[in-house]
Amino acid sequence: MNVSTIMLIAGVVLILTGCFELIRTRNMLKIIIALELAIKAVSMFITLGGWLNGNMPVAESFVVSVIVIEVVVATVLAGIAISIFHKHGTMDIRNLRNLKG
């Protein structure tokens, strides 16, 4: 097995783990972590594609863009999770229906 095959297998496992956790859990913090895990796997795939094509500078710029978007998404989701926790005392996503205005 070469490095690209190992990275491909690891990326698929990370994406499947993140997606499984997104489906399985109702805790907002675990959802944020699962989403971050899946996005890290996407970043790894972009890096792998750039390495295989010999075009690492373009891949690195895409990865930086993905990381910036990931931080923004995580920050917004963390703010929503904090507001849910302050209002209801739990981070259960079923309480999102009760948030109004």
C-alpha atoms as a PDB file:
ATOM      1  CA  MET A   1       0.000   0.000   0.000  1.00  0.00           C
ATOM      2  CA  ASN A   2       1.310   3.387  -0.913  1.00  0.00           C
ATOM      3  CA  VAL A   3       0.702   6.696   0.835  1.00  0.00           C
ATOM      4  CA  SER A   4      -2.115   7.826  -1.447  1.00  0.00           C
ATOM      5  CA  THR A   5      -4.105   4.634  -0.825  1.00  0.00           C
ATOM      6  CA  ILE A   6      -3.695   4.983   2.929  1.00  0.00           C
ATOM      7  CA  MET A   7      -4.798   8.628   2.801  1.00  0.00           C
ATOM      8  CA  LEU A   8      -7.790   7.695   0.654  1.00  0.00           C
ATOM      9  CA  ILE A   9      -8.890   4.958   3.046  1.00  0.00           C
ATOM     10  CA  ALA A  10      -8.375   7.214   6.078  1.00  0.00           C
ATOM     11  CA  GLY A  11     -10.384   9.999   4.430  1.00  0.00           C
ATOM     12  CA  VAL A  12     -13.284   7.715   3.611  1.00  0.00           C
ATOM     13  CA  VAL A  13     -13.283   6.390   7.184  1.00  0.00           C
ATOM     14  CA  LEU A  14     -13.275   9.956   8.558  1.00  0.00           C
ATOM     15  CA  ILE A  15     -16.148  11.047   6.323  1.00  0.00           C
ATOM     16  CA  LEU A  16     -18.192   7.949   7.144  1.00  0.00           C
ATOM     17  CA  THR A  17     -17.539   8.415  10.865  1.00  0.00           C
ATOM     18  CA  GLY A  18     -18.585  12.066  10.707  1.00  0.00           C
ATOM     19  CA  CYS A  19     -21.732  11.301   8.709  1.00  0.00           C
ATOM     20  CA  PHE A  20     -22.683   8.431  11.016  1.00  0.00           C
ATOM     21  CA  GLU A  21     -22.315  10.656  14.055  1.00  0.00           C
ATOM     22  CA  LEU A  22     -24.373  13.396  12.377  1.00  0.00           C
ATOM     23  CA  ILE A  23     -27.196  10.934  11.842  1.00  0.00           C
ATOM     24  CA  ARG A  24     -26.934   9.199  15.223  1.00  0.00           C
ATOM     25  CA  THR A  25     -26.666  12.014  17.765  1.00  0.00           C
ATOM     26  CA  ARG A  26     -28.938  14.800  18.962  1.00  0.00           C
ATOM     27  CA  ASN A  27     -26.298  16.630  21.019  1.00  0.00           C
ATOM     28  CA  MET A  28     -25.298  19.908  19.373  1.00  0.00           C
ATOM     29  CA  LEU A  29     -21.672  19.710  20.516  1.00  0.00           C
ATOM     30  CA  LYS A  30     -21.253  16.225  19.054  1.00  0.00           C
ATOM     31  CA  ILE A  31     -22.816  17.436  15.808  1.00  0.00           C
ATOM     32  CA  ILE A  32     -20.269  20.257  15.585  1.00  0.00           C
ATOM     33  CA  ILE A  33     -17.413  17.813  16.185  1.00  0.00           C
ATOM     34  CA  ALA A  34     -18.766  15.361  13.588  1.00  0.00           C
ATOM     35  CA  LEU A  35     -19.094  18.143  11.024  1.00  0.00           C
ATOM     36  CA  GLU A  36     -15.542  19.280  11.719  1.00  0.00           C
ATOM     37  CA  LEU A  37     -14.318  15.711  11.300  1.00  0.00           C
ATOM     38  CA  ALA A  38     -15.984  15.357   7.903  1.00  0.00           C
ATOM     39  CA  ILE A  39     -14.639  18.730   6.742  1.00  0.00           C
ATOM     40  CA  LYS A  40     -11.104  17.751   7.802  1.00  0.00           C
ATOM     41  CA  ALA A  41     -11.427  14.658   5.617  1.00  0.00           C
ATOM     42  CA  VAL A  42     -12.462  16.859   2.687  1.00  0.00           C
ATOM     43  CA  SER A  43      -9.384  19.019   3.298  1.00  0.00           C
ATOM     44  CA  MET A  44      -7.260  15.882   3.281  1.00  0.00           C
ATOM     45  CA  PHE A  45      -8.828  14.805  -0.040  1.00  0.00           C
ATOM     46  CA  ILE A  46      -8.089  18.203  -1.581  1.00  0.00           C
ATOM     47  CA  THR A  47      -4.476  17.965  -0.418  1.00  0.00           C
ATOM     48  CA  LEU A  48      -4.202  14.421  -1.763  1.00  0.00           C
ATOM     49  CA  GLY A  49      -5.569  15.502  -5.139  1.00  0.00           C
ATOM     50  CA  GLY A  50      -3.070  18.338  -5.356  1.00  0.00           C
ATOM     51  CA  TRP A  51      -0.226  16.036  -4.384  1.00  0.00           C
ATOM     52  CA  LEU A  52      -1.206  13.416  -6.959  1.00  0.00           C
ATOM     53  CA  ASN A  53      -1.548  16.005  -9.733  1.00  0.00           C
ATOM     54  CA  GLY A  54       1.651  17.796  -8.773  1.00  0.00           C
ATOM     55  CA  ASN A  55      -0.257  21.026  -8.200  1.00  0.00           C
ATOM     56  CA  MET A  56       0.176  21.577  -4.473  1.00  0.00           C
ATOM     57  CA  PRO A  57      -0.024  25.414  -4.432  1.00  0.00           C
ATOM     58  CA  VAL A  58      -3.581  25.364  -5.794  1.00  0.00           C
ATOM     59  CA  ALA A  59      -4.580  22.596  -3.399  1.00  0.00           C
ATOM     60  CA  GLU A  60      -3.087  24.480  -0.462  1.00  0.00           C
ATOM     61  CA  SER A  61      -5.023  27.625  -1.349  1.00  0.00           C
ATOM     62  CA  PHE A  62      -8.248  25.614  -1.521  1.00  0.00           C
ATOM     63  CA  VAL A  63      -7.484  24.003   1.838  1.00  0.00           C
ATOM     64  CA  VAL A  64      -6.923  27.420   3.422  1.00  0.00           C
ATOM     65  CA  SER A  65     -10.282  28.552   2.030  1.00  0.00           C
ATOM     66  CA  VAL A  66     -11.977  25.418   3.401  1.00  0.00           C
ATOM     67  CA  ILE A  67     -10.403  25.995   6.818  1.00  0.00           C
ATOM     68  CA  VAL A  68     -11.674  29.584   6.911  1.00  0.00           C
ATOM     69  CA  ILE A  69     -15.195  28.465   5.978  1.00  0.00           C
ATOM     70  CA  GLU A  70     -14.976  25.674   8.542  1.00  0.00           C
ATOM     71  CA  VAL A  71     -14.070  28.111  11.322  1.00  0.00           C
ATOM     72  CA  VAL A  72     -16.995  30.376  10.433  1.00  0.00           C
ATOM     73  CA  VAL A  73     -19.433  27.446  10.411  1.00  0.00           C
ATOM     74  CA  ALA A  74     -18.098  26.127  13.726  1.00  0.00           C
ATOM     75  CA  THR A  75     -18.374  29.570  15.327  1.00  0.00           C
ATOM     76  CA  VAL A  76     -21.980  30.064  14.210  1.00  0.00           C
ATOM     77  CA  LEU A  77     -22.952  26.567  15.348  1.00  0.00           C
ATOM     78  CA  ALA A  78     -21.221  27.085  18.695  1.00  0.00           C
ATOM     79  CA  GLY A  79     -23.187  30.320  19.184  1.00  0.00           C
ATOM     80  CA  ILE A  80     -26.433  28.499  18.450  1.00  0.00           C
ATOM     81  CA  ALA A  81     -25.445  25.716  20.847  1.00  0.00           C
ATOM     82  CA  ILE A  82     -24.674  28.224  23.609  1.00  0.00           C
ATOM     83  CA  SER A  83     -28.013  29.977  23.133  1.00  0.00           C
ATOM     84  CA  ILE A  84     -29.830  26.631  23.265  1.00  0.00           C
ATOM     85  CA  PHE A  85     -27.957  25.701  26.441  1.00  0.00           C
ATOM     86  CA  HIS A  86     -28.728  29.042  28.124  1.00  0.00           C
ATOM     87  CA  LYS A  87     -32.409  28.878  27.220  1.00  0.00           C
ATOM     88  CA  HIS A  88     -33.122  25.176  27.877  1.00  0.00           C
ATOM     89  CA  GLY A  89     -30.221  23.854  29.971  1.00  0.00           C
ATOM     90  CA  THR A  90     -29.462  21.162  27.385  1.00  0.00           C
ATOM     91  CA  MET A  91     -27.841  20.952  23.956  1.00  0.00           C
ATOM     92  CA  ASP A  92     -30.506  18.743  22.422  1.00  0.00           C
ATOM     93  CA  ILE A  93     -31.292  19.777  18.845  1.00  0.00           C
ATOM     94  CA  ARG A  94     -34.963  19.015  19.353  1.00  0.00           C
ATOM     95  CA  ASN A  95     -35.082  22.288  21.296  1.00  0.00           C
ATOM     96  CA  LEU A  96     -34.323  24.245  18.104  1.00  0.00           C
ATOM     97  CA  ARG A  97     -38.050  24.254  17.380  1.00  0.00           C
ATOM     98  CA  ASN A  98     -38.603  26.363  20.488  1.00  0.00           C
ATOM     99  CA  LEU A  99     -36.216  29.164  19.437  1.00  0.00           C
ATOM    100  CA  LYS A 100     -38.177  32.071  18.029  1.00  0.00           C
ATOM    101  CA  GLY A 101     -37.176  35.638  17.226  1.00  0.00           C
END
